[in-house]
């Protein structure tokens, strides 16, 4: 898991293994493993690997 600078994690959310959270993002819900997420609120940008 990699959390970008200035990101805010709200409450008791789960951030999956291998997830990347973009800088300045606000995480308000659970994030799936091996995804790239960013924004306010953080949402899926893309999967890191093909499934």
C-alpha atoms as a PDB file:
ATOM      1  CA  UNK A   1       0.000   0.000   0.000  1.00  0.00           C
ATOM      2  CA  UNK A   2       1.249   3.464  -0.876  1.00  0.00           C
ATOM      3  CA  UNK A   3      -0.501   6.558   0.452  1.00  0.00           C
ATOM      4  CA  UNK A   4       0.338   9.866  -1.224  1.00  0.00           C
ATOM      5  CA  UNK A   5       1.373  13.001   0.650  1.00  0.00           C
ATOM      6  CA  UNK A   6      -1.467  14.994   2.199  1.00  0.00           C
ATOM      7  CA  UNK A   7      -4.051  12.224   1.879  1.00  0.00           C
ATOM      8  CA  UNK A   8      -6.773  12.027   4.508  1.00  0.00           C
ATOM      9  CA  UNK A   9      -8.152   8.687   5.701  1.00  0.00           C
ATOM     10  CA  UNK A  10     -11.599   9.161   7.286  1.00  0.00           C
ATOM     11  CA  UNK A  11     -12.995   6.689   9.810  1.00  0.00           C
ATOM     12  CA  UNK A  12     -12.320   2.970   9.839  1.00  0.00           C
ATOM     13  CA  UNK A  13     -11.894   2.247   6.141  1.00  0.00           C
ATOM     14  CA  UNK A  14      -9.875  -0.652   4.735  1.00  0.00           C
ATOM     15  CA  UNK A  15      -7.217  -0.019   2.134  1.00  0.00           C
ATOM     16  CA  UNK A  16      -6.426  -3.225   0.238  1.00  0.00           C
ATOM     17  CA  UNK A  17      -2.961  -4.728  -0.215  1.00  0.00           C
ATOM     18  CA  UNK A  18      -1.036  -3.111  -3.043  1.00  0.00           C
ATOM     19  CA  UNK A  19      -3.438  -0.172  -3.311  1.00  0.00           C
ATOM     20  CA  UNK A  20      -2.046   3.234  -4.349  1.00  0.00           C
ATOM     21  CA  UNK A  21      -3.801   6.352  -3.035  1.00  0.00           C
ATOM     22  CA  UNK A  22      -3.014   9.574  -4.923  1.00  0.00           C
ATOM     23  CA  UNK A  23      -1.637  12.641  -3.140  1.00  0.00           C
ATOM     24  CA  UNK A  24      -4.252  14.902  -1.566  1.00  0.00           C
ATOM     25  CA  UNK A  25      -7.015  12.294  -1.781  1.00  0.00           C
ATOM     26  CA  UNK A  26      -9.748  11.869   0.806  1.00  0.00           C
ATOM     27  CA  UNK A  27     -10.566   8.211   1.467  1.00  0.00           C
ATOM     28  CA  UNK A  28     -14.109   7.757   2.830  1.00  0.00           C
ATOM     29  CA  UNK A  29     -14.846   4.131   1.833  1.00  0.00           C
ATOM     30  CA  UNK A  30     -13.003   0.814   1.478  1.00  0.00           C
ATOM     31  CA  UNK A  31     -10.553   0.507  -1.431  1.00  0.00           C
ATOM     32  CA  UNK A  32     -10.007  -2.760  -3.302  1.00  0.00           C
ATOM     33  CA  UNK A  33      -6.575  -4.465  -3.424  1.00  0.00           C
ATOM     34  CA  UNK A  34      -4.166  -3.665  -6.281  1.00  0.00           C
ATOM     35  CA  UNK A  35      -5.956  -0.536  -7.523  1.00  0.00           C
ATOM     36  CA  UNK A  36      -4.983   3.078  -8.111  1.00  0.00           C
ATOM     37  CA  UNK A  37      -7.390   5.496  -6.431  1.00  0.00           C
ATOM     38  CA  UNK A  38      -7.408   9.294  -6.239  1.00  0.00           C
ATOM     39  CA  UNK A  39      -9.673  12.293  -5.822  1.00  0.00           C
ATOM     40  CA  UNK A  40     -12.014  13.895  -3.325  1.00  0.00           C
ATOM     41  CA  UNK A  41     -13.546  11.499  -2.443  1.00  0.00           C
ATOM     42  CA  UNK A  42     -11.083   8.845  -3.593  1.00  0.00           C
ATOM     43  CA  UNK A  43     -12.398   6.602  -6.361  1.00  0.00           C
ATOM     44  CA  UNK A  44     -11.024   3.938  -8.654  1.00  0.00           C
ATOM     45  CA  UNK A  45      -8.792   5.243 -11.448  1.00  0.00           C
ATOM     46  CA  UNK A  46      -7.596   1.872 -12.718  1.00  0.00           C
ATOM     47  CA  UNK A  47      -6.455  -1.599 -11.685  1.00  0.00           C
ATOM     48  CA  UNK A  48      -2.723  -2.095 -11.280  1.00  0.00           C
ATOM     49  CA  UNK A  49      -2.730  -5.504 -12.954  1.00  0.00           C
ATOM     50  CA  UNK A  50      -4.938  -7.262 -15.458  1.00  0.00           C
ATOM     51  CA  UNK A  51      -7.220  -9.820 -13.845  1.00  0.00           C
END
